[in-house]
């Protein structure tokens, strides 16, 4: 999923966003985390990172405004790899941020994974992808996903992965409001709400519908965090309703929010859903599930 490409004086990596097609919360663990089961797909919305040799670690960011300080997962991943390898090597790192943060797309985790891959190559560390994925768990639960299959089942905190061979044929409209949600706040709201009385399908029930029409997946797009996310931000735009009113039958929330997605059978349908969201005052784009390394972005 993550591949380095030569660029002027260094390496470039495209870091894809992810969408949680399903997300079931199975319970709270003794360590304070939650056990999950989720079917996740990487999609053709990318951050772009460039790396070149330097005497120390330097990070510059452009695009969507994000911190270039020590809280950025790119810097955290670089320092972690440097400590693991026992090297004093440095790098100049340039992040073009296109994946909106705090919306459930996993962009920060993808950036961290891309950094580990690129600096492993730049510094000649020669760690395996499995080694890099294990390092990634020390940064965030989503990081290991980006070292594997573009579609996978995540379990545990998200670090236990099972590759899925099926490749969805849908187009997707992604939509997000002008605010993000803090994952810790959403899980805290879920704990206060307690278990739902609704009878919902299991996370993996969607697997049989992955390669079929979009409407066939509609009943399986469950996310146990959605009602908690709505409690965290009561005044937010109702993207699910906007998508439904535009004709989308299959709509879901990704991660802990605040972004939603709508599945479509054609690019034209996906563009119609996107345009409806934009008319309602939110941001939206059109993507496809990632099928292979190096796949380019879908039209905006």
Protein backbone atom coordinates (compact mmCIF):
# COMPACT_ATOMS: atom_id res chain seq x y z
CA UNK A 1 0.00 0.00 0.00
CA UNK A 2 2.88 2.38 0.83
CA UNK A 3 5.58 2.67 -1.81
CA UNK A 4 8.50 5.08 -2.07
CA UNK A 5 9.26 6.86 -5.33
CA UNK A 6 12.45 8.77 -6.14
CA UNK A 7 12.17 12.55 -6.16
CA UNK A 8 14.69 15.32 -6.57
CA UNK A 9 17.23 14.65 -3.84
CA UNK A 10 15.16 12.13 -1.94
CA UNK A 11 11.98 10.06 -1.74
CA UNK A 12 8.24 10.70 -2.05
CA UNK A 13 5.43 8.65 -0.49
CA UNK A 14 1.67 8.98 -0.92
CA UNK A 15 -0.15 8.22 2.34
CA UNK A 16 -3.79 7.19 1.77
CA UNK A 17 -6.81 7.97 3.90
CA UNK A 18 -8.91 5.11 5.28
CA UNK A 19 -12.64 4.61 5.70
CA UNK A 20 -14.16 2.39 8.38
CA UNK A 21 -16.92 0.66 6.44
CA UNK A 22 -17.99 -0.94 9.72
CA UNK A 23 -16.91 -0.44 13.32
CA UNK A 24 -18.23 -2.45 16.27
CA UNK A 25 -17.05 -1.73 19.82
CA UNK A 26 -16.97 -5.04 21.67
CA UNK A 27 -16.16 -3.76 25.14
CA UNK A 28 -13.78 -1.77 27.32
CA UNK A 29 -10.43 -3.36 28.16
CA UNK A 30 -8.65 -3.32 31.54
CA UNK A 31 -5.98 -1.01 30.01
CA UNK A 32 -8.62 1.63 29.25
CA UNK A 33 -8.75 0.98 25.52
CA UNK A 34 -11.68 -0.66 23.73
CA UNK A 35 -11.78 -3.92 21.80
CA UNK A 36 -12.90 -3.31 18.24
CA UNK A 37 -13.84 -5.18 15.13
CA UNK A 38 -13.83 -3.10 11.96
CA UNK A 39 -13.69 -3.56 8.19
CA UNK A 40 -11.45 -0.83 6.80
CA UNK A 41 -10.65 0.27 3.25
CA UNK A 42 -7.90 2.61 2.07
CA UNK A 43 -9.15 5.19 -0.42
CA UNK A 44 -7.70 7.45 -3.09
CA UNK A 45 -7.28 10.57 -0.99
CA UNK A 46 -3.61 11.10 -0.18
CA UNK A 47 -1.25 13.16 1.89
CA UNK A 48 2.05 13.57 0.04
CA UNK A 49 5.34 13.40 1.92
CA UNK A 50 8.85 14.13 0.63
CA UNK A 51 12.04 13.12 2.43
CA UNK A 52 15.66 14.10 1.84
CA UNK A 53 18.87 13.73 3.81
CA UNK A 54 19.72 16.36 6.42
CA UNK A 55 21.84 16.79 9.52
CA UNK A 56 18.83 16.70 11.84
CA UNK A 57 15.07 16.17 11.73
CA UNK A 58 13.14 19.07 10.15
CA UNK A 59 9.43 19.08 9.29
CA UNK A 60 7.64 21.59 7.07
CA UNK A 61 3.89 21.44 6.39
CA UNK A 62 1.69 22.94 3.70
CA UNK A 63 -1.86 22.42 2.51
CA UNK A 64 -4.45 21.96 5.27
CA UNK A 65 -3.00 23.72 8.33
CA UNK A 66 -1.52 21.30 10.89
CA UNK A 67 1.16 21.61 13.56
CA UNK A 68 4.76 21.01 12.50
CA UNK A 69 5.77 20.55 16.13
CA UNK A 70 6.52 17.54 18.28
CA UNK A 71 2.85 16.51 18.36
CA UNK A 72 2.92 15.78 14.62
CA UNK A 73 3.04 12.01 14.08
CA UNK A 74 5.59 12.43 11.27
CA UNK A 75 8.15 13.75 13.75
CA UNK A 76 7.16 11.16 16.35
CA UNK A 77 7.66 8.35 13.83
CA UNK A 78 11.02 9.75 12.70
CA UNK A 79 12.33 9.99 16.26
CA UNK A 80 11.06 6.53 17.10
CA UNK A 81 12.81 4.97 14.09
CA UNK A 82 16.02 6.86 14.79
CA UNK A 83 16.05 5.60 18.37
CA UNK A 84 15.24 2.05 17.24
CA UNK A 85 18.10 2.04 14.73
CA UNK A 86 20.57 3.79 17.03
CA UNK A 87 21.45 6.29 14.32
CA UNK A 88 22.06 10.04 14.35
CA UNK A 89 20.87 10.40 10.77
CA UNK A 90 18.50 13.21 10.01
CA UNK A 91 16.01 14.11 7.32
CA UNK A 92 14.16 17.06 5.90
CA UNK A 93 10.49 16.09 5.77
CA UNK A 94 7.87 18.00 3.81
CA UNK A 95 4.19 17.16 4.33
CA UNK A 96 1.51 18.31 1.91
CA UNK A 97 -1.61 17.80 4.00
CA UNK A 98 -4.70 16.90 1.96
CA UNK A 99 -6.50 14.53 4.37
CA UNK A 100 -8.51 16.61 6.85
CA UNK A 101 -7.49 15.76 10.43
CA UNK A 102 -9.89 14.84 13.21
CA UNK A 103 -12.53 13.46 10.85
CA UNK A 104 -11.91 9.70 11.13
CA UNK A 105 -9.77 9.28 7.99
CA UNK A 106 -6.59 8.20 9.80
CA UNK A 107 -4.40 10.70 8.00
CA UNK A 108 -1.98 11.18 10.87
CA UNK A 109 -1.52 7.42 11.21
CA UNK A 110 -0.97 7.10 7.45
CA UNK A 111 1.65 9.87 7.62
CA UNK A 112 3.44 8.06 10.45
CA UNK A 113 3.48 4.80 8.49
CA UNK A 114 4.76 6.60 5.38
CA UNK A 115 7.52 8.19 7.45
CA UNK A 116 8.67 4.84 8.80
CA UNK A 117 8.78 3.35 5.30
CA UNK A 118 10.59 6.30 3.73
CA UNK A 119 13.19 6.83 6.45
CA UNK A 120 13.88 3.11 6.66
CA UNK A 121 14.85 3.34 2.98
CA UNK A 122 16.65 6.69 3.24
CA UNK A 123 18.73 5.60 6.23
CA UNK A 124 19.33 2.05 4.98
CA UNK A 125 17.87 0.51 8.14
CA UNK A 126 16.49 -2.49 6.20
CA UNK A 127 13.72 -3.29 8.65
CA UNK A 128 10.91 -5.53 7.43
CA UNK A 129 7.38 -4.21 6.98
CA UNK A 130 6.39 -6.38 9.93
CA UNK A 131 9.07 -4.70 12.07
CA UNK A 132 7.89 -1.26 10.96
CA UNK A 133 4.26 -2.14 11.68
CA UNK A 134 5.21 -3.23 15.20
CA UNK A 135 6.97 0.09 15.71
CA UNK A 136 3.85 1.79 14.41
CA UNK A 137 1.71 0.37 17.22
CA UNK A 138 3.72 2.55 19.60
CA UNK A 139 2.47 5.63 17.75
CA UNK A 140 -1.18 4.74 17.17
CA UNK A 141 -3.55 1.82 16.82
CA UNK A 142 -4.36 2.64 13.17
CA UNK A 143 -0.75 2.77 11.97
CA UNK A 144 -0.22 -0.96 11.24
CA UNK A 145 -3.16 -1.00 8.80
CA UNK A 146 -1.21 1.09 6.30
CA UNK A 147 1.49 -1.57 5.95
CA UNK A 148 -0.90 -4.25 4.74
CA UNK A 149 -3.80 -4.94 2.42
CA UNK A 150 -5.95 -2.02 1.17
CA UNK A 151 -8.97 -3.78 2.71
CA UNK A 152 -8.64 -5.48 6.08
CA UNK A 153 -10.43 -6.54 9.24
CA UNK A 154 -9.06 -4.81 12.33
CA UNK A 155 -9.42 -6.35 15.78
CA UNK A 156 -8.17 -5.66 19.29
CA UNK A 157 -7.20 -1.99 19.57
CA UNK A 158 -6.88 -2.08 15.79
CA UNK A 159 -3.42 -3.64 15.71
CA UNK A 160 -4.56 -7.19 14.82
CA UNK A 161 -5.12 -7.36 11.08
CA UNK A 162 -6.65 -9.84 8.70
CA UNK A 163 -6.30 -9.09 4.99
CA UNK A 164 -9.45 -9.15 2.85
CA UNK A 165 -9.07 -10.22 -0.78
CA UNK A 166 -12.29 -8.65 -2.02
CA UNK A 167 -11.92 -5.23 -3.60
CA UNK A 168 -15.02 -3.01 -3.57
CA UNK A 169 -16.08 -1.68 -6.96
CA UNK A 170 -17.89 1.36 -5.62
CA UNK A 171 -17.22 5.03 -5.90
CA UNK A 172 -17.46 7.02 -2.67
CA UNK A 173 -18.41 10.55 -1.76
CA UNK A 174 -16.61 11.66 1.41
CA UNK A 175 -18.02 14.57 3.40
CA UNK A 176 -16.86 16.40 6.52
CA UNK A 177 -17.91 19.49 8.49
CA UNK A 178 -15.65 22.38 9.49
CA UNK A 179 -14.83 20.75 12.83
CA UNK A 180 -13.11 17.58 13.93
CA UNK A 181 -13.86 15.32 16.87
CA UNK A 182 -11.39 14.11 19.48
CA UNK A 183 -11.41 10.31 19.55
CA UNK A 184 -10.99 10.21 23.34
CA UNK A 185 -14.09 12.39 23.78
CA UNK A 186 -16.19 10.19 21.51
CA UNK A 187 -15.22 7.01 23.37
CA UNK A 188 -15.93 8.73 26.70
CA UNK A 189 -19.39 9.63 25.42
CA UNK A 190 -19.91 6.03 24.32
CA UNK A 191 -19.01 4.76 27.79
CA UNK A 192 -21.54 7.15 29.32
CA UNK A 193 -24.26 6.04 26.89
CA UNK A 194 -23.71 2.34 27.51
CA UNK A 195 -24.71 -0.50 25.19
CA UNK A 196 -27.26 0.19 22.48
CA UNK A 197 -30.54 -1.70 22.47
CA UNK A 198 -30.50 -1.83 18.67
CA UNK A 199 -29.82 -5.20 17.03
CA UNK A 200 -27.08 -4.51 14.49
CA UNK A 201 -25.10 -6.79 12.16
CA UNK A 202 -21.57 -7.81 13.07
CA UNK A 203 -18.67 -5.91 11.62
CA UNK A 204 -17.73 -8.64 9.17
CA UNK A 205 -21.26 -9.15 7.81
CA UNK A 206 -20.38 -6.68 5.07
CA UNK A 207 -17.75 -8.96 3.53
CA UNK A 208 -20.24 -10.74 1.27
CA UNK A 209 -21.41 -7.40 -0.14
CA UNK A 210 -18.03 -5.83 -0.83
CA UNK A 211 -17.95 -6.58 -4.56
CA UNK A 212 -21.67 -6.08 -5.18
CA UNK A 213 -23.78 -2.96 -5.81
CA UNK A 214 -23.64 -0.09 -3.35
CA UNK A 215 -27.21 -0.56 -2.14
CA UNK A 216 -26.41 -4.15 -1.14
CA UNK A 217 -23.99 -2.87 1.50
CA UNK A 218 -26.41 -0.35 3.01
CA UNK A 219 -27.65 -2.53 5.88
CA UNK A 220 -24.10 -3.41 6.96
CA UNK A 221 -22.62 0.09 7.37
CA UNK A 222 -22.74 0.05 11.17
CA UNK A 223 -20.60 2.21 13.43
CA UNK A 224 -21.10 1.95 17.18
CA UNK A 225 -19.43 5.34 17.68
CA UNK A 226 -21.95 7.31 15.64
CA UNK A 227 -24.49 7.99 18.38
CA UNK A 228 -21.66 8.99 20.74
CA UNK A 229 -20.19 11.33 18.12
CA UNK A 230 -23.57 13.01 17.78
CA UNK A 231 -23.63 13.63 21.53
CA UNK A 232 -20.18 15.25 21.46
CA UNK A 233 -21.25 17.83 18.87
CA UNK A 234 -25.00 18.43 18.98
CA UNK A 235 -24.97 21.46 16.70
CA UNK A 236 -23.20 19.83 13.77
CA UNK A 237 -24.51 19.51 10.23
CA UNK A 238 -26.42 16.24 9.70
CA UNK A 239 -24.38 14.80 6.84
CA UNK A 240 -26.21 11.49 6.94
CA UNK A 241 -29.50 13.25 6.19
CA UNK A 242 -27.92 15.38 3.46
CA UNK A 243 -26.58 12.28 1.74
CA UNK A 244 -29.91 10.47 2.07
CA UNK A 245 -31.84 13.41 0.64
CA UNK A 246 -29.49 13.42 -2.35
CA UNK A 247 -30.47 9.81 -3.11
CA UNK A 248 -27.68 7.86 -1.40
CA UNK A 249 -28.89 4.52 -0.05
CA UNK A 250 -25.64 3.42 1.61
CA UNK A 251 -24.29 5.97 4.11
CA UNK A 252 -21.94 5.54 7.05
CA UNK A 253 -19.66 7.40 9.47
CA UNK A 254 -15.93 6.65 9.46
CA UNK A 255 -13.87 6.18 12.62
CA UNK A 256 -14.97 8.38 15.50
CA UNK A 257 -16.25 11.04 13.09
CA UNK A 258 -16.90 13.70 12.10
CA UNK A 259 -16.77 12.56 8.44
CA UNK A 260 -19.39 10.52 6.58
CA UNK A 261 -19.28 8.60 3.33
CA UNK A 262 -21.85 7.54 0.76
CA UNK A 263 -21.35 4.58 -1.57
CA UNK A 264 -22.21 4.93 -5.25
CA UNK A 265 -22.21 2.60 -8.24
CA UNK A 266 -21.00 5.24 -10.70
CA UNK A 267 -18.80 8.30 -10.67
CA UNK A 268 -21.80 10.39 -11.68
CA UNK A 269 -23.78 9.28 -8.63
CA UNK A 270 -20.84 10.00 -6.33
CA UNK A 271 -20.44 13.48 -7.80
CA UNK A 272 -24.14 14.16 -7.25
CA UNK A 273 -23.85 13.16 -3.60
CA UNK A 274 -20.71 15.31 -3.25
CA UNK A 275 -22.40 18.34 -4.80
CA UNK A 276 -25.37 18.04 -2.43
CA UNK A 277 -23.04 18.15 0.56
CA UNK A 278 -21.18 21.15 -0.80
CA UNK A 279 -24.50 22.93 -1.34
CA UNK A 280 -25.28 22.30 2.35
CA UNK A 281 -22.07 24.10 3.34
CA UNK A 282 -19.74 21.18 4.15
CA UNK A 283 -16.59 19.90 2.42
CA UNK A 284 -16.75 16.86 0.15
CA UNK A 285 -14.78 14.94 -2.44
CA UNK A 286 -15.07 11.82 -4.60
CA UNK A 287 -12.74 8.83 -4.16
CA UNK A 288 -12.51 5.13 -4.86
CA UNK A 289 -11.26 2.28 -2.67
CA UNK A 290 -7.55 1.78 -3.24
CA UNK A 291 -6.95 -1.27 -5.41
CA UNK A 292 -3.20 -1.31 -5.90
CA UNK A 293 -0.01 0.59 -5.10
CA UNK A 294 0.42 3.82 -6.97
CA UNK A 295 -3.26 4.31 -7.86
CA UNK A 296 -3.89 7.99 -8.51
CA UNK A 297 -6.51 10.13 -6.84
CA UNK A 298 -10.07 10.13 -8.04
CA UNK A 299 -11.25 13.43 -9.51
CA UNK A 300 -12.12 16.07 -6.86
